Protein backbone atom coordinates (compact mmCIF):
# COMPACT_ATOMS: atom_id res chain seq x y z
CA MET A 1 5.43 1.88 9.86
CA LYS A 2 8.77 2.56 8.26
CA LEU A 3 9.31 4.37 4.94
CA GLU A 4 12.30 3.65 2.71
CA SER A 5 13.22 5.53 -0.45
CA GLU A 6 14.95 3.78 -3.36
CA GLY A 7 15.12 5.92 -6.48
CA THR A 8 11.62 6.21 -7.92
CA VAL A 9 10.15 3.84 -5.31
CA LEU A 10 8.87 4.65 -1.83
CA ARG A 11 8.62 1.42 0.19
CA VAL A 12 6.37 0.99 3.23
CA VAL A 13 7.31 -1.75 5.70
CA GLY A 14 6.40 -2.76 9.21
CA LEU A 15 2.61 -2.65 9.15
CA ALA A 16 0.83 -5.22 11.33
CA GLU A 17 -2.68 -3.92 10.59
CA LEU A 18 -4.23 -1.49 8.14
CA ASN A 19 -7.63 -0.52 9.48
CA ALA A 20 -9.84 2.35 10.65
CA THR A 21 -7.44 3.02 13.53
CA ASN A 22 -4.36 3.77 11.43
CA CYS A 23 -5.48 4.19 7.80
CA VAL A 24 -5.39 8.01 7.89
CA THR A 25 -1.92 7.97 9.44
CA VAL A 26 -0.65 5.54 6.79
CA ARG A 27 -2.29 7.38 3.88
CA ASP A 28 -1.12 10.82 5.02
CA GLY A 29 2.33 9.52 5.98
CA VAL A 30 2.88 8.05 2.52
CA ARG A 31 1.62 11.19 0.80
CA ALA A 32 3.87 13.39 2.96
CA ALA A 33 6.92 11.20 2.23
CA LEU A 34 6.44 11.28 -1.54
CA ARG A 35 9.13 13.29 -3.26
CA GLU A 36 9.21 14.49 -6.84
CA GLU A 37 11.27 11.49 -7.96
CA HIS A 38 8.86 8.94 -6.45
CA ARG A 39 6.59 7.39 -9.07
CA ASN A 40 5.71 4.15 -7.32
CA VAL A 41 4.86 2.92 -3.83
CA GLU A 42 5.58 -0.62 -2.65
CA LEU A 43 3.82 -1.83 0.45
CA ASP A 44 5.50 -4.83 2.06
CA PHE A 45 2.63 -6.71 3.68
CA ALA A 46 4.74 -9.63 4.96
CA GLY A 47 3.79 -8.77 8.55
CA LEU A 48 0.28 -7.50 7.83
CA MET A 49 -2.22 -9.66 9.68
CA PHE A 50 -5.42 -7.66 9.10
CA ILE A 51 -6.87 -5.18 6.63
CA ASP A 52 -10.40 -3.74 6.61
CA SER A 53 -12.41 -1.53 4.26
CA SER A 54 -10.82 1.62 5.68
CA GLY A 55 -7.39 0.18 4.94
CA LEU A 56 -8.48 -0.68 1.40
CA GLY A 57 -9.72 2.90 1.04
CA ALA A 58 -6.29 4.19 2.06
CA LEU A 59 -4.69 2.02 -0.63
CA VAL A 60 -7.07 3.40 -3.26
CA ALA A 61 -6.33 6.97 -2.12
CA ILE A 62 -2.57 6.34 -2.45
CA GLN A 63 -3.15 4.86 -5.91
CA LYS A 64 -5.11 7.96 -6.96
CA THR A 65 -2.25 10.17 -5.80
CA LEU A 66 0.23 8.12 -7.83
CA SER A 67 -1.92 7.96 -10.95
CA GLY A 68 -1.31 11.70 -11.35
CA ARG A 69 2.40 10.81 -11.55
CA GLN A 70 1.80 7.90 -13.96
CA GLY A 71 2.82 5.63 -11.10
CA PHE A 72 1.39 2.59 -9.31
CA VAL A 73 1.04 0.79 -6.01
CA ARG A 74 2.64 -2.64 -5.69
CA ILE A 75 1.76 -4.94 -2.79
CA LEU A 76 4.54 -7.29 -1.74
CA ASN A 77 4.29 -10.54 0.20
CA PRO A 78 0.65 -10.49 1.35
CA GLY A 79 -0.32 -13.36 3.63
CA SER A 80 -3.11 -15.70 2.58
CA SER A 81 -5.82 -13.94 4.62
CA VAL A 82 -4.86 -10.49 3.28
CA LEU A 83 -4.61 -11.85 -0.26
CA GLN A 84 -8.06 -13.40 0.11
CA ILE A 85 -9.53 -10.00 1.06
CA LEU A 86 -7.78 -8.34 -1.87
CA GLU A 87 -9.22 -10.96 -4.22
CA LEU A 88 -12.74 -10.89 -2.74
CA THR A 89 -12.87 -7.12 -3.16
CA ARG A 90 -11.23 -7.37 -6.61
CA MET A 91 -8.42 -5.09 -5.48
CA HIS A 92 -5.97 -7.55 -7.02
CA ARG A 93 -7.08 -6.08 -10.37
CA ILE A 94 -6.10 -2.56 -9.29
CA PHE A 95 -2.79 -3.24 -7.60
CA GLU A 96 0.15 -5.32 -8.73
CA ILE A 97 0.62 -8.12 -6.19
CA VAL A 98 3.96 -9.88 -5.82
CA ARG A 99 4.21 -12.99 -3.67
CA ASN A 100 7.59 -14.46 -2.77
């Protein structure tokens, strides 16, 4: 996982999986990297091949952290299998999803 800061946005790239094995590391890593100027988090899921309920929980936890800042989580480039999970769990209604 790599974190990039661009103004008010903290971008997360380089995740292959978001599951019970790494969800705490991702959640806590994003929270620790948030600076006062960060209002939004973008997660680039172009390389994400798998997400489970623990990974979804981490996304919700990050969203809750940002809601206190009047911010949001945006998911970029999810593959079809990840997008299907987001839609089946109705997470696509919580997060902005951008497909390129």
